Amino acid sequence: MTRIFNAATNEGAAMDEYSELLTAAIRSMIDVADERDLDSLFTAGPTTALTQTIAAWTTLS
């Protein structure tokens, strides 16, 4: 399996495709967290809005 991956990525030097997939996954997690925070503003109980951050958000914005 690693031989196939290394061949496809030039021994890890050509990781653009995988980097884009990882970025998309992180953005998706941020979007879900944002939606959850927004929903918490309109439900009974404490809110999660503006109380939690994802460290990668600042680099993806």
N, C-alpha and C. Protein backbone atom coordinates (compact mmCIF):
# COMPACT_ATOMS: atom_id res chain seq x y z
N MET A 1 0.83 -1.19 0.00
CA MET A 1 0.00 0.00 0.00
C MET A 1 0.88 1.25 0.00
N THR A 2 1.91 1.28 0.83
CA THR A 2 2.75 2.48 0.87
C THR A 2 3.53 2.65 -0.43
N ARG A 3 3.87 1.55 -1.08
CA ARG A 3 4.57 1.67 -2.36
C ARG A 3 3.70 2.37 -3.40
N ILE A 4 2.42 2.01 -3.42
CA ILE A 4 1.48 2.62 -4.36
C ILE A 4 1.35 4.11 -4.06
N PHE A 5 1.19 4.44 -2.77
CA PHE A 5 1.06 5.84 -2.37
C PHE A 5 2.32 6.62 -2.71
N ASN A 6 3.47 6.07 -2.40
CA ASN A 6 4.74 6.75 -2.69
C ASN A 6 4.93 6.94 -4.19
N ALA A 7 4.54 5.97 -4.98
CA ALA A 7 4.64 6.10 -6.43
C ALA A 7 3.69 7.18 -6.94
N ALA A 8 2.49 7.24 -6.40
CA ALA A 8 1.49 8.21 -6.84
C ALA A 8 1.83 9.63 -6.40
N THR A 9 2.60 9.77 -5.34
CA THR A 9 2.91 11.10 -4.80
C THR A 9 4.37 11.49 -4.96
N ASN A 10 5.10 10.74 -5.77
CA ASN A 10 6.53 11.02 -5.96
C ASN A 10 7.24 11.06 -4.60
N GLU A 11 7.05 9.99 -3.85
CA GLU A 11 7.65 9.84 -2.51
C GLU A 11 7.21 10.95 -1.55
N GLY A 12 5.97 11.41 -1.72
CA GLY A 12 5.42 12.43 -0.84
C GLY A 12 5.69 13.86 -1.28
N ALA A 13 6.37 14.04 -2.38
CA ALA A 13 6.68 15.39 -2.86
C ALA A 13 5.50 16.05 -3.56
N ALA A 14 4.60 15.26 -4.13
CA ALA A 14 3.44 15.79 -4.87
C ALA A 14 2.18 15.50 -4.08
N MET A 15 1.93 16.28 -3.06
CA MET A 15 0.81 16.03 -2.16
C MET A 15 -0.35 16.99 -2.36
N ASP A 16 -0.36 17.74 -3.46
CA ASP A 16 -1.40 18.75 -3.68
C ASP A 16 -2.81 18.18 -3.57
N GLU A 17 -3.06 17.05 -4.22
CA GLU A 17 -4.40 16.46 -4.20
C GLU A 17 -4.82 16.10 -2.79
N TYR A 18 -3.92 15.52 -2.02
CA TYR A 18 -4.24 15.12 -0.66
C TYR A 18 -4.35 16.32 0.27
N SER A 19 -3.56 17.33 0.01
CA SER A 19 -3.64 18.56 0.79
C SER A 19 -4.99 19.24 0.58
N GLU A 20 -5.45 19.25 -0.67
CA GLU A 20 -6.77 19.84 -0.96
C GLU A 20 -7.89 19.05 -0.28
N LEU A 21 -7.78 17.73 -0.28
CA LEU A 21 -8.78 16.90 0.40
C LEU A 21 -8.79 17.17 1.90
N LEU A 22 -7.62 17.30 2.49
CA LEU A 22 -7.53 17.58 3.92
C LEU A 22 -8.09 18.96 4.24
N THR A 23 -7.78 19.94 3.41
CA THR A 23 -8.32 21.29 3.60
C THR A 23 -9.84 21.27 3.52
N ALA A 24 -10.39 20.55 2.56
CA ALA A 24 -11.85 20.46 2.43
C ALA A 24 -12.47 19.79 3.65
N ALA A 25 -11.82 18.77 4.18
CA ALA A 25 -12.34 18.08 5.36
C ALA A 25 -12.33 19.01 6.57
N ILE A 26 -11.27 19.77 6.73
CA ILE A 26 -11.17 20.69 7.87
C ILE A 26 -12.22 21.79 7.74
N ARG A 27 -12.38 22.32 6.53
CA ARG A 27 -13.41 23.35 6.33
C ARG A 27 -14.81 22.81 6.64
N SER A 28 -15.05 21.57 6.27
CA SER A 28 -16.34 20.94 6.56
C SER A 28 -16.57 20.85 8.07
N MET A 29 -15.53 20.48 8.81
CA MET A 29 -15.66 20.40 10.27
C MET A 29 -15.93 21.77 10.86
N ILE A 30 -15.28 22.79 10.33
CA ILE A 30 -15.51 24.15 10.81
C ILE A 30 -16.94 24.58 10.51
N ASP A 31 -17.43 24.27 9.31
CA ASP A 31 -18.81 24.62 8.94
C ASP A 31 -19.81 23.95 9.87
N VAL A 32 -19.58 22.68 10.19
CA VAL A 32 -20.48 21.95 11.08
C VAL A 32 -20.45 22.59 12.47
N ALA A 33 -19.27 22.93 12.95
CA ALA A 33 -19.15 23.56 14.26
C ALA A 33 -19.86 24.91 14.26
N ASP A 34 -19.70 25.68 13.19
CA ASP A 34 -20.39 26.98 13.09
C ASP A 34 -21.90 26.81 13.11
N GLU A 35 -22.40 25.82 12.37
CA GLU A 35 -23.84 25.57 12.35
C GLU A 35 -24.34 25.16 13.73
N ARG A 36 -23.59 24.31 14.42
CA ARG A 36 -23.96 23.88 15.77
C ARG A 36 -23.99 25.08 16.71
N ASP A 37 -23.00 25.95 16.59
CA ASP A 37 -22.96 27.14 17.44
C ASP A 37 -24.15 28.05 17.18
N LEU A 38 -24.49 28.23 15.91
CA LEU A 38 -25.64 29.07 15.57
C LEU A 38 -26.93 28.46 16.10
N ASP A 39 -27.07 27.15 15.93
CA ASP A 39 -28.26 26.47 16.46
C ASP A 39 -28.36 26.63 17.98
N SER A 40 -27.22 26.64 18.66
CA SER A 40 -27.25 26.75 20.12
C SER A 40 -27.75 28.10 20.60
N LEU A 41 -27.70 29.10 19.73
CA LEU A 41 -28.22 30.42 20.11
C LEU A 41 -29.74 30.41 20.23
N PHE A 42 -30.37 29.48 19.52
CA PHE A 42 -31.83 29.47 19.46
C PHE A 42 -32.45 28.28 20.18
N THR A 43 -31.71 27.67 21.08
CA THR A 43 -32.25 26.59 21.89
C THR A 43 -32.04 26.92 23.36
N ALA A 44 -32.82 26.29 24.19
CA ALA A 44 -32.71 26.52 25.63
C ALA A 44 -31.36 26.01 26.13
N GLY A 45 -30.84 26.67 27.12
CA GLY A 45 -29.57 26.24 27.70
C GLY A 45 -28.42 27.10 27.23
N PRO A 46 -27.23 26.72 27.63
CA PRO A 46 -26.06 27.52 27.28
C PRO A 46 -25.74 27.44 25.79
N THR A 47 -25.04 28.44 25.31
CA THR A 47 -24.65 28.49 23.91
C THR A 47 -23.18 28.10 23.77
N THR A 48 -22.84 27.54 22.63
CA THR A 48 -21.44 27.24 22.34
C THR A 48 -20.85 28.30 21.43
N ALA A 49 -21.67 29.23 20.99
CA ALA A 49 -21.20 30.26 20.06
C ALA A 49 -20.12 31.11 20.74
N LEU A 50 -19.07 31.33 20.02
CA LEU A 50 -17.94 32.16 20.44
C LEU A 50 -17.21 31.65 21.68
N THR A 51 -17.44 30.40 22.05
CA THR A 51 -16.74 29.86 23.21
C THR A 51 -15.68 28.84 22.81
N GLN A 52 -15.75 28.33 21.60
CA GLN A 52 -14.80 27.33 21.14
C GLN A 52 -14.22 27.76 19.81
N THR A 53 -12.95 27.43 19.59
CA THR A 53 -12.32 27.72 18.31
C THR A 53 -11.59 26.49 17.82
N ILE A 54 -11.42 26.42 16.54
CA ILE A 54 -10.61 25.39 15.92
C ILE A 54 -9.33 26.08 15.46
N ALA A 55 -8.19 25.64 15.93
CA ALA A 55 -6.93 26.31 15.66
C ALA A 55 -6.67 26.51 14.18
N ALA A 56 -7.06 25.55 13.35
CA ALA A 56 -6.77 25.63 11.91
C ALA A 56 -7.63 26.70 11.23
N TRP A 57 -8.69 27.15 11.88
CA TRP A 57 -9.59 28.11 11.24
C TRP A 57 -8.85 29.34 10.80
N THR A 58 -7.94 29.85 11.60
CA THR A 58 -7.25 31.09 11.28
C THR A 58 -6.38 30.93 10.04
N THR A 59 -5.88 29.74 9.79
CA THR A 59 -5.03 29.54 8.62
C THR A 59 -5.84 29.27 7.36
N LEU A 60 -7.10 28.88 7.51
CA LEU A 60 -7.94 28.57 6.35
C LEU A 60 -8.81 29.72 5.92
N SER A 61 -8.95 30.72 6.76
CA SER A 61 -9.85 31.84 6.45
C SER A 61 -9.29 32.73 5.36
